[in-house]
């Protein structure tokens, strides 16, 4: 179990089409938010058995406890994730927020 995906910062789970929320709303990625996205592997057996190898599996994480933007790694309460491609709607939200729209 030591090398299981997501259990260490050195072996994070890739999460694609991701976005951060606080409650049910988009929110800046920060501590105490949650990430939603698609994964193709997980260290938890109950989740790994549900993952479609081609399509992946939609997840929302436990609360974020640490963010390493230099390496695009986010630690939640029990798993490490590597941020892959951002969700296009979330990217638009962040751009509009940045532009003050």
C-alpha atoms as a PDB file:
ATOM      1  CA  UNK A   1       0.000   0.000   0.000  1.00  0.00           C
ATOM      2  CA  UNK A   2       3.028   2.259   0.409  1.00  0.00           C
ATOM      3  CA  UNK A   3       3.238   3.084  -3.325  1.00  0.00           C
ATOM      4  CA  UNK A   4      -0.506   3.371  -3.808  1.00  0.00           C
ATOM      5  CA  UNK A   5      -1.551   6.360  -5.908  1.00  0.00           C
ATOM      6  CA  UNK A   6      -2.381   9.415  -3.846  1.00  0.00           C
ATOM      7  CA  UNK A   7      -0.906   8.266  -0.548  1.00  0.00           C
ATOM      8  CA  UNK A   8       2.291  10.320  -0.903  1.00  0.00           C
ATOM      9  CA  UNK A   9       3.279  13.643  -2.428  1.00  0.00           C
ATOM     10  CA  UNK A  10       5.703  11.717  -4.644  1.00  0.00           C
ATOM     11  CA  UNK A  11       2.868   9.623  -6.126  1.00  0.00           C
ATOM     12  CA  UNK A  12      -0.174  11.939  -6.445  1.00  0.00           C
ATOM     13  CA  UNK A  13      -3.348  11.087  -8.325  1.00  0.00           C
ATOM     14  CA  UNK A  14      -3.832  13.067 -11.522  1.00  0.00           C
ATOM     15  CA  UNK A  15      -7.122  14.966 -11.457  1.00  0.00           C
ATOM     16  CA  UNK A  16      -8.367  16.345 -14.786  1.00  0.00           C
ATOM     17  CA  UNK A  17     -11.142  18.791 -15.679  1.00  0.00           C
ATOM     18  CA  UNK A  18     -10.845  20.074 -12.121  1.00  0.00           C
ATOM     19  CA  UNK A  19     -12.384  23.021 -10.341  1.00  0.00           C
ATOM     20  CA  UNK A  20     -12.512  24.244  -6.749  1.00  0.00           C
ATOM     21  CA  UNK A  21     -15.675  24.962  -4.780  1.00  0.00           C
ATOM     22  CA  UNK A  22     -16.783  26.313  -1.452  1.00  0.00           C
ATOM     23  CA  UNK A  23     -20.216  24.902  -0.806  1.00  0.00           C
ATOM     24  CA  UNK A  24     -21.868  24.606  -4.207  1.00  0.00           C
ATOM     25  CA  UNK A  25     -20.111  27.593  -5.820  1.00  0.00           C
ATOM     26  CA  UNK A  26     -16.875  28.024  -7.767  1.00  0.00           C
ATOM     27  CA  UNK A  27     -14.190  29.419  -5.494  1.00  0.00           C
ATOM     28  CA  UNK A  28     -10.499  30.217  -5.698  1.00  0.00           C
ATOM     29  CA  UNK A  29      -8.357  27.177  -4.973  1.00  0.00           C
ATOM     30  CA  UNK A  30      -7.290  27.583  -1.355  1.00  0.00           C
ATOM     31  CA  UNK A  31      -7.210  25.728   1.946  1.00  0.00           C
ATOM     32  CA  UNK A  32     -10.667  24.515   3.068  1.00  0.00           C
ATOM     33  CA  UNK A  33     -12.084  24.347  -0.473  1.00  0.00           C
ATOM     34  CA  UNK A  34     -12.898  21.091  -2.269  1.00  0.00           C
ATOM     35  CA  UNK A  35     -11.758  19.977  -5.702  1.00  0.00           C
ATOM     36  CA  UNK A  36     -14.050  18.310  -8.213  1.00  0.00           C
ATOM     37  CA  UNK A  37     -12.703  16.505 -11.253  1.00  0.00           C
ATOM     38  CA  UNK A  38     -12.038  13.231 -13.063  1.00  0.00           C
ATOM     39  CA  UNK A  39      -9.536  10.634 -11.843  1.00  0.00           C
ATOM     40  CA  UNK A  40      -8.322   7.386 -13.380  1.00  0.00           C
ATOM     41  CA  UNK A  41      -6.786   5.806 -10.272  1.00  0.00           C
ATOM     42  CA  UNK A  42      -7.142   5.934  -6.492  1.00  0.00           C
ATOM     43  CA  UNK A  43      -5.676   4.260  -3.419  1.00  0.00           C
ATOM     44  CA  UNK A  44      -9.117   3.562  -1.949  1.00  0.00           C
ATOM     45  CA  UNK A  45     -10.311   0.162  -3.112  1.00  0.00           C
ATOM     46  CA  UNK A  46     -14.008   1.185  -3.137  1.00  0.00           C
ATOM     47  CA  UNK A  47     -13.196   4.008  -5.570  1.00  0.00           C
ATOM     48  CA  UNK A  48     -10.608   2.184  -7.674  1.00  0.00           C
ATOM     49  CA  UNK A  49     -13.134  -0.561  -8.442  1.00  0.00           C
ATOM     50  CA  UNK A  50     -15.578   2.019  -9.894  1.00  0.00           C
ATOM     51  CA  UNK A  51     -13.135   3.748 -12.234  1.00  0.00           C
ATOM     52  CA  UNK A  52     -13.691   3.308 -15.966  1.00  0.00           C
ATOM     53  CA  UNK A  53     -10.199   3.146 -17.507  1.00  0.00           C
ATOM     54  CA  UNK A  54     -11.260   5.213 -20.516  1.00  0.00           C
ATOM     55  CA  UNK A  55     -13.660   7.762 -19.029  1.00  0.00           C
ATOM     56  CA  UNK A  56     -12.279   7.969 -15.509  1.00  0.00           C
ATOM     57  CA  UNK A  57     -14.448   8.613 -12.464  1.00  0.00           C
ATOM     58  CA  UNK A  58     -15.890  11.921 -11.209  1.00  0.00           C
ATOM     59  CA  UNK A  59     -14.876  12.806  -7.661  1.00  0.00           C
ATOM     60  CA  UNK A  60     -15.059  15.615  -5.200  1.00  0.00           C
ATOM     61  CA  UNK A  61     -12.328  15.646  -2.622  1.00  0.00           C
ATOM     62  CA  UNK A  62     -12.235  16.135   1.088  1.00  0.00           C
ATOM     63  CA  UNK A  63     -11.120  19.605   2.185  1.00  0.00           C
ATOM     64  CA  UNK A  64      -7.841  20.949   0.840  1.00  0.00           C
ATOM     65  CA  UNK A  65      -5.218  21.263   3.581  1.00  0.00           C
ATOM     66  CA  UNK A  66      -2.141  22.281   1.581  1.00  0.00           C
ATOM     67  CA  UNK A  67      -1.380  23.628  -1.907  1.00  0.00           C
ATOM     68  CA  UNK A  68       1.960  23.360  -3.703  1.00  0.00           C
ATOM     69  CA  UNK A  69       1.455  25.566  -6.776  1.00  0.00           C
ATOM     70  CA  UNK A  70       5.064  25.164  -7.883  1.00  0.00           C
ATOM     71  CA  UNK A  71       4.447  21.447  -8.485  1.00  0.00           C
ATOM     72  CA  UNK A  72       0.643  21.642  -9.019  1.00  0.00           C
ATOM     73  CA  UNK A  73       0.038  19.298  -6.096  1.00  0.00           C
ATOM     74  CA  UNK A  74      -2.845  19.639  -3.683  1.00  0.00           C
ATOM     75  CA  UNK A  75      -3.090  17.732  -0.422  1.00  0.00           C
ATOM     76  CA  UNK A  76      -6.542  16.987   0.928  1.00  0.00           C
ATOM     77  CA  UNK A  77      -7.327  15.427   4.284  1.00  0.00           C
ATOM     78  CA  UNK A  78      -6.384  11.957   3.000  1.00  0.00           C
ATOM     79  CA  UNK A  79      -5.001  12.153  -0.561  1.00  0.00           C
ATOM     80  CA  UNK A  80      -2.491  13.977  -2.771  1.00  0.00           C
ATOM     81  CA  UNK A  81      -3.662  15.150  -6.188  1.00  0.00           C
ATOM     82  CA  UNK A  82      -1.704  16.435  -9.180  1.00  0.00           C
ATOM     83  CA  UNK A  83      -3.681  19.162 -10.930  1.00  0.00           C
ATOM     84  CA  UNK A  84      -4.075  18.399 -14.620  1.00  0.00           C
ATOM     85  CA  UNK A  85      -6.225  20.261 -17.121  1.00  0.00           C
ATOM     86  CA  UNK A  86      -8.498  22.840 -15.524  1.00  0.00           C
ATOM     87  CA  UNK A  87     -12.258  22.825 -16.197  1.00  0.00           C
ATOM     88  CA  UNK A  88     -13.049  25.330 -18.978  1.00  0.00           C
ATOM     89  CA  UNK A  89     -16.005  26.922 -17.139  1.00  0.00           C
ATOM     90  CA  UNK A  90     -13.892  27.304 -13.996  1.00  0.00           C
ATOM     91  CA  UNK A  91     -11.065  28.833 -16.023  1.00  0.00           C
ATOM     92  CA  UNK A  92     -13.578  31.349 -17.459  1.00  0.00           C
ATOM     93  CA  UNK A  93     -14.842  32.105 -13.929  1.00  0.00           C
ATOM     94  CA  UNK A  94     -11.290  32.788 -12.693  1.00  0.00           C
ATOM     95  CA  UNK A  95     -10.529  35.031 -15.688  1.00  0.00           C
ATOM     96  CA  UNK A  96     -13.731  37.039 -15.214  1.00  0.00           C
ATOM     97  CA  UNK A  97     -13.014  37.378 -11.502  1.00  0.00           C
ATOM     98  CA  UNK A  98      -9.480  38.547 -12.261  1.00  0.00           C
ATOM     99  CA  UNK A  99     -10.804  41.087 -14.778  1.00  0.00           C
ATOM    100  CA  UNK A 100     -13.389  42.339 -12.273  1.00  0.00           C
ATOM    101  CA  UNK A 101     -16.388  41.276 -14.341  1.00  0.00           C
END
